[in-house]
Amino acid sequence: MAIDISIFGRKIFFLFPPPLIQNEVIEILSRAEYEVYCIQDPEKMKILLSHFPESMVYINVDAYMSQPEWLTYVKKLRQSVATSDTVFSLVTNSGNEEYKRKLVYDFEAKGGILSVRTDIKATVDTIMNQLEIYKCHGRRRYIRTYCENDNLAKLNFIFNEQKYDLKIRDISVFGTCAYYPGSIRIPVKQNQVIKNALLILRGLNISCDIVVFNINEEQYSTTFVFLFKSFSESSGKDKIRKYVRQNLQAKIDSIISYAVKAESDKNENSKTDKETDSKETSEEKSTNVEKPAEENKNASDSSQNNLGGILAF
């Protein structure tokens, strides 16, 4: 089912990004709270588009394949019903205007073309404008990641001389949702400030002051929404953003790995089935060949017996 782009925005993929984009631009886009990924394999890109067809894809047509091959690749994706909502934009190092117009015409690139030169500001401004046009932010002000299954994502703090350890469910640079297991209640109230809380995100320790935004008490757990009020060090938000990006990338990698394994298992099963069918066919042929020989032998034996009977008389 298609998502509402106006609300959830689009994922942004750079397929074979040039060094300027990979080393500098992606970090700037991440700081602007865009959900950005780098992909180095056209087949993996197909897998991801089958899961996220409403994405925006920047294809570096100067890399990996020839332009006619890229043209065939893009046309197949664009003609597929599953990826009809995908926005393709072309990336090139060329500054030749006539050449770029031809690219846009040939590829029918809805997202236009991005000419990557040495001017990083111009590159970023162009990309930001494109992302705005195609509503890649949606209504999301902050990119968050769900991490309930990550046992190394925790929040702890001391309140009224009692230490509490909570499990993080999701997090962004703006705040976090965490739950406290058990029926014991933490005696905090809405809008209360908790000082010197410690976020633990896969080895990244971040000290911060948090504000209790919401409390939901259930029978065997309590769920909290906390907003980050301040960080003890200026790199606090950058560390959270790094964790969010790593976790989102891990989920993308997991989708690819699962699809590749499923395809491999499918091919292996198909190969096994063919070998089984071939073996059964071969055995059947062998049986059919052996039967006449056996019948001829029986006929010969019968003839010899009859002949013996005649001679005996």
Protein backbone atom coordinates (compact mmCIF):
# COMPACT_ATOMS: atom_id res chain seq x y z
CA MET A 1 0.00 0.00 0.00
CA ALA A 2 1.37 3.41 -1.01
CA ILE A 3 2.28 5.81 1.76
CA ASP A 4 1.07 9.40 1.96
CA ILE A 5 4.11 11.35 0.73
CA SER A 6 2.72 14.64 2.03
CA ILE A 7 2.94 13.18 5.55
CA PHE A 8 5.83 10.71 5.52
CA GLY A 9 7.96 12.20 2.77
CA ARG A 10 10.35 10.18 0.59
CA LYS A 11 13.50 8.20 1.15
CA ILE A 12 16.42 9.60 -0.85
CA PHE A 13 18.87 7.25 -2.54
CA PHE A 14 22.10 8.20 -4.28
CA LEU A 15 23.13 5.45 -6.69
CA PHE A 16 26.92 5.61 -7.18
CA PRO A 17 27.25 9.12 -5.72
CA PRO A 18 30.30 11.18 -6.80
CA PRO A 19 32.87 11.88 -4.04
CA LEU A 20 31.57 15.41 -3.40
CA ILE A 21 28.11 14.07 -2.62
CA GLN A 22 29.22 11.02 -0.67
CA ASN A 23 31.82 12.81 1.43
CA GLU A 24 30.11 16.15 2.10
CA VAL A 25 26.60 16.66 0.71
CA ILE A 26 25.00 13.63 2.37
CA GLU A 27 26.14 14.82 5.79
CA ILE A 28 24.60 18.24 5.14
CA LEU A 29 21.31 16.64 4.04
CA SER A 30 21.32 14.44 7.14
CA ARG A 31 21.74 17.50 9.35
CA ALA A 32 18.75 18.99 7.57
CA GLU A 33 16.79 15.88 8.69
CA TYR A 34 16.46 14.19 5.31
CA GLU A 35 16.51 10.38 5.17
CA VAL A 36 19.46 9.71 2.87
CA TYR A 37 21.19 6.52 1.72
CA CYS A 38 24.11 5.58 -0.55
CA ILE A 39 23.76 2.53 -2.81
CA GLN A 40 26.52 0.99 -4.92
CA ASP A 41 24.60 -1.70 -6.77
CA PRO A 42 21.80 -1.27 -9.38
CA GLU A 43 20.24 -4.65 -8.49
CA LYS A 44 20.08 -3.76 -4.81
CA MET A 45 18.45 -0.50 -5.80
CA LYS A 46 15.71 -2.50 -7.54
CA ILE A 47 15.14 -4.50 -4.35
CA LEU A 48 14.79 -1.34 -2.28
CA LEU A 49 12.40 0.27 -4.76
CA SER A 50 10.15 -2.79 -4.51
CA HIS A 51 9.82 -1.91 -0.81
CA PHE A 52 9.93 1.89 -1.11
CA PRO A 53 8.56 2.77 -4.58
CA GLU A 54 7.80 6.38 -3.62
CA SER A 55 11.51 7.16 -3.13
CA MET A 56 13.64 9.74 -4.91
CA VAL A 57 16.67 8.27 -6.68
CA TYR A 58 19.73 10.19 -7.89
CA ILE A 59 21.59 8.13 -10.51
CA ASN A 60 25.18 8.97 -11.40
CA VAL A 61 25.08 8.27 -15.16
CA ASP A 62 28.86 8.81 -15.40
CA ALA A 63 29.58 5.71 -13.30
CA TYR A 64 29.40 1.90 -13.50
CA MET A 65 27.44 1.53 -16.77
CA SER A 66 27.33 3.24 -20.13
CA GLN A 67 24.56 5.77 -20.69
CA PRO A 68 22.59 3.46 -23.04
CA GLU A 69 22.68 0.80 -20.31
CA TRP A 70 21.51 3.31 -17.71
CA LEU A 71 18.76 4.38 -20.09
CA THR A 72 17.52 0.79 -20.40
CA TYR A 73 17.74 0.37 -16.62
CA VAL A 74 15.71 3.51 -15.89
CA LYS A 75 13.09 2.82 -18.58
CA LYS A 76 12.38 -0.64 -17.16
CA LEU A 77 11.89 0.80 -13.70
CA ARG A 78 9.76 3.66 -14.93
CA GLN A 79 7.53 1.37 -16.99
CA SER A 80 6.88 -0.90 -14.02
CA VAL A 81 3.61 -0.22 -12.20
CA ALA A 82 5.37 -0.90 -8.89
CA THR A 83 7.84 1.97 -9.35
CA SER A 84 5.69 4.41 -11.29
CA ASP A 85 5.78 6.87 -8.35
CA THR A 86 9.58 6.84 -8.09
CA VAL A 87 11.23 10.17 -8.90
CA PHE A 88 14.47 9.81 -10.86
CA SER A 89 17.08 12.53 -11.07
CA LEU A 90 20.32 12.28 -13.05
CA VAL A 91 23.76 13.18 -11.71
CA THR A 92 26.66 14.11 -13.99
CA ASN A 93 29.96 15.93 -13.76
CA SER A 94 29.38 17.60 -17.12
CA GLY A 95 28.59 21.29 -17.30
CA ASN A 96 27.61 21.24 -20.99
CA GLU A 97 24.06 22.58 -21.18
CA GLU A 98 23.19 20.93 -24.50
CA TYR A 99 24.44 17.58 -23.22
CA LYS A 100 22.39 17.92 -20.04
CA ARG A 101 19.24 18.82 -21.97
CA LYS A 102 19.72 15.70 -24.08
CA LEU A 103 20.07 13.58 -20.96
CA VAL A 104 16.84 14.94 -19.48
CA TYR A 105 15.04 14.39 -22.82
CA ASP A 106 16.35 10.83 -23.33
CA PHE A 107 15.76 9.68 -19.76
CA GLU A 108 12.53 11.63 -19.26
CA ALA A 109 13.91 12.36 -15.80
CA LYS A 110 11.09 13.87 -13.76
CA GLY A 111 13.55 15.03 -11.11
CA GLY A 112 15.71 16.85 -13.64
CA ILE A 113 19.49 16.80 -13.68
CA LEU A 114 22.15 17.61 -11.11
CA SER A 115 25.47 18.88 -12.44
CA VAL A 116 28.06 18.20 -9.76
CA ARG A 117 31.06 20.48 -9.91
CA THR A 118 33.37 21.77 -7.18
CA ASP A 119 30.88 24.33 -5.85
CA ILE A 120 29.36 22.50 -2.91
CA LYS A 121 26.94 25.31 -2.01
CA ALA A 122 25.43 25.34 -5.51
CA THR A 123 25.13 21.54 -5.43
CA VAL A 124 23.41 21.55 -2.04
CA ASP A 125 21.07 24.39 -3.02
CA THR A 126 20.01 22.55 -6.18
CA ILE A 127 19.36 19.30 -4.30
CA MET A 128 17.48 21.06 -1.49
CA ASN A 129 15.25 22.75 -4.07
CA GLN A 130 14.51 19.40 -5.74
CA LEU A 131 13.77 17.72 -2.40
CA GLU A 132 11.39 20.53 -1.50
CA ILE A 133 9.53 20.26 -4.82
CA TYR A 134 8.97 16.53 -4.35
CA LYS A 135 8.03 16.81 -0.66
CA CYS A 136 10.82 14.58 0.61
CA HIS A 137 10.42 15.93 4.13
CA GLY A 138 6.67 15.41 4.26
CA ARG A 139 5.47 16.65 7.62
CA ARG A 140 8.44 15.10 9.40
CA ARG A 141 10.55 17.69 11.13
CA TYR A 142 12.95 15.09 12.50
CA ILE A 143 14.06 11.70 11.23
CA ARG A 144 13.60 9.02 13.85
CA THR A 145 14.49 5.35 14.03
CA TYR A 146 12.68 2.51 15.76
CA CYS A 147 15.07 0.55 17.94
CA GLU A 148 12.94 -1.54 20.30
CA ASN A 149 14.82 -4.66 19.20
CA ASP A 150 18.20 -3.07 19.84
CA ASN A 151 19.28 -4.19 23.29
CA LEU A 152 22.09 -1.64 23.23
CA ALA A 153 19.74 1.36 23.08
CA LYS A 154 18.96 2.45 26.65
CA LEU A 155 18.16 5.45 28.81
CA ASN A 156 18.89 5.67 32.50
CA PHE A 157 18.62 8.37 35.13
CA ILE A 158 18.52 8.91 38.88
CA PHE A 159 15.37 10.36 40.41
CA ASN A 160 14.82 10.78 44.17
CA GLU A 161 18.08 8.85 44.72
CA GLN A 162 16.71 5.85 42.82
CA LYS A 163 18.25 4.69 39.54
CA TYR A 164 15.93 3.71 36.68
CA ASP A 165 16.91 1.85 33.50
CA LEU A 166 14.58 2.23 30.53
CA LYS A 167 14.52 0.60 27.10
CA ILE A 168 14.38 2.97 24.12
CA ARG A 169 11.66 2.31 21.52
CA ASP A 170 12.44 5.11 19.08
CA ILE A 171 14.60 8.19 18.99
CA SER A 172 15.34 11.38 17.03
CA VAL A 173 17.42 14.45 17.84
CA PHE A 174 14.23 16.01 19.26
CA GLY A 175 13.21 13.33 21.74
CA THR A 176 12.76 9.67 22.55
CA CYS A 177 10.08 7.16 23.48
CA ALA A 178 11.18 4.70 26.18
CA TYR A 179 9.49 2.22 28.46
CA TYR A 180 10.11 1.00 31.98
CA PRO A 181 9.22 -2.69 32.45
CA GLY A 182 7.36 -3.90 35.53
CA SER A 183 4.46 -2.71 37.63
CA ILE A 184 6.56 -0.34 39.75
CA ARG A 185 5.87 3.30 38.87
CA ILE A 186 8.50 5.99 38.42
CA PRO A 187 7.28 8.98 40.48
CA VAL A 188 7.73 11.64 37.79
CA LYS A 189 5.10 13.98 36.40
CA GLN A 190 4.41 15.53 33.03
CA ASN A 191 6.64 18.54 32.21
CA GLN A 192 9.10 17.53 34.92
CA VAL A 193 12.78 18.09 34.10
CA ILE A 194 15.17 15.20 34.77
CA LYS A 195 18.79 16.25 34.90
CA ASN A 196 21.89 14.26 33.90
CA ALA A 197 20.06 11.44 32.16
CA LEU A 198 22.31 9.10 30.18
CA LEU A 199 21.54 7.87 26.68
CA ILE A 200 23.41 4.73 25.68
CA LEU A 201 23.28 4.09 21.93
CA ARG A 202 25.52 1.21 20.92
CA GLY A 203 28.56 2.54 22.71
CA LEU A 204 27.68 6.21 22.22
CA ASN A 205 27.12 7.72 25.67
CA ILE A 206 25.25 11.02 25.70
CA SER A 207 24.54 12.98 28.87
CA CYS A 208 21.49 15.22 28.70
CA ASP A 209 18.63 16.91 30.53
CA ILE A 210 15.20 15.64 29.48
CA VAL A 211 11.61 16.81 29.91
CA VAL A 212 8.74 14.40 30.58
CA PHE A 213 6.31 15.07 27.75
CA ASN A 214 3.89 12.16 28.13
CA ILE A 215 3.29 9.16 30.41
CA ASN A 216 1.28 6.04 29.57
CA GLU A 217 0.91 3.57 32.45
CA GLU A 218 -0.04 -0.01 31.64
CA GLN A 219 -0.35 -3.08 33.85
CA TYR A 220 3.20 -4.35 33.45
CA SER A 221 5.07 -1.36 32.04
CA THR A 222 5.12 2.41 31.74
CA THR A 223 5.87 4.20 28.48
CA PHE A 224 7.35 7.70 28.47
CA VAL A 225 7.94 10.33 25.83
CA PHE A 226 10.89 12.54 26.72
CA LEU A 227 12.05 15.69 24.93
CA PHE A 228 15.71 16.64 24.94
CA LYS A 229 16.16 19.92 26.79
CA SER A 230 19.93 20.24 26.58
CA PHE A 231 23.10 18.21 26.11
CA SER A 232 26.23 18.30 28.26
CA GLU A 233 28.39 18.50 25.12
CA SER A 234 27.83 20.18 21.77
CA SER A 235 28.23 16.88 19.91
CA GLY A 236 25.17 15.36 21.62
CA LYS A 237 22.81 15.83 18.66
CA ASP A 238 25.46 14.68 16.21
CA LYS A 239 25.89 11.44 18.15
CA ILE A 240 22.13 10.80 18.11
CA ARG A 241 21.98 11.61 14.41
CA LYS A 242 24.86 9.20 13.78
CA TYR A 243 23.03 6.43 15.62
CA VAL A 244 19.79 7.13 13.74
CA ARG A 245 21.58 6.93 10.38
CA GLN A 246 23.44 3.74 11.31
CA ASN A 247 20.26 2.07 12.52
CA LEU A 248 18.28 3.05 9.43
CA GLN A 249 21.13 1.87 7.19
CA ALA A 250 21.23 -1.46 9.06
CA LYS A 251 17.54 -1.97 8.32
CA ILE A 252 18.09 -1.20 4.64
CA ASP A 253 20.99 -3.69 4.58
CA SER A 254 18.76 -6.28 6.28
CA ILE A 255 16.08 -5.87 3.59
CA ILE A 256 18.68 -6.38 0.87
CA SER A 257 20.28 -9.40 2.59
CA TYR A 258 16.89 -11.07 3.10
CA ALA A 259 15.89 -10.54 -0.54
CA VAL A 260 19.24 -11.81 -1.85
CA LYS A 261 19.03 -14.91 0.38
CA ALA A 262 15.42 -15.56 -0.66
CA GLU A 263 16.41 -15.36 -4.32
CA SER A 264 19.39 -17.64 -3.71
CA ASP A 265 17.21 -20.19 -1.89
CA LYS A 266 14.67 -20.02 -4.71
CA ASN A 267 17.35 -20.69 -7.33
CA GLU A 268 18.82 -23.51 -5.25
CA ASN A 269 15.39 -25.13 -4.81
CA SER A 270 14.74 -24.77 -8.53
CA LYS A 271 18.09 -26.37 -9.30
CA THR A 272 17.36 -29.23 -6.89
CA ASP A 273 13.91 -29.78 -8.43
CA LYS A 274 15.41 -29.90 -11.93
CA GLU A 275 18.08 -32.38 -10.82
CA THR A 276 15.41 -34.54 -9.17
CA ASP A 277 13.22 -34.44 -12.29
CA SER A 278 16.23 -35.28 -14.46
CA LYS A 279 17.18 -38.20 -12.22
CA GLU A 280 13.64 -39.57 -12.19
CA THR A 281 13.42 -39.25 -16.00
CA SER A 282 16.76 -41.03 -16.38
CA GLU A 283 15.69 -43.86 -14.06
CA GLU A 284 12.41 -44.22 -15.92
CA LYS A 285 14.23 -44.49 -19.24
CA SER A 286 16.62 -47.04 -17.75
CA THR A 287 13.71 -49.13 -16.48
CA ASN A 288 12.00 -49.07 -19.88
CA VAL A 289 15.20 -50.23 -21.57
CA GLU A 290 15.73 -53.08 -19.11
CA LYS A 291 12.17 -54.46 -19.35
CA PRO A 292 12.33 -55.63 -22.99
CA ALA A 293 15.64 -57.36 -22.33
CA GLU A 294 14.11 -59.19 -19.39
CA GLU A 295 11.03 -60.09 -21.45
CA ASN A 296 13.26 -61.41 -24.27
CA LYS A 297 15.15 -63.52 -21.76
CA ASN A 298 11.91 -64.98 -20.39
CA ALA A 299 10.69 -65.67 -23.91
CA SER A 300 13.97 -67.43 -24.72
CA ASP A 301 13.78 -69.53 -21.56
CA SER A 302 10.21 -70.50 -22.43
CA SER A 303 11.27 -71.46 -25.93
CA GLN A 304 14.12 -73.59 -24.59
CA ASN A 305 11.73 -75.37 -22.19
CA ASN A 306 9.32 -76.09 -25.00
CA LEU A 307 12.15 -77.35 -27.17
CA GLY A 308 13.40 -79.54 -24.35
CA GLY A 309 9.92 -81.02 -24.01
CA ILE A 310 9.78 -81.88 -27.66
CA LEU A 311 13.21 -83.49 -27.60
CA ALA A 312 12.28 -85.52 -24.54
CA PHE A 313 9.53 -87.17 -26.43
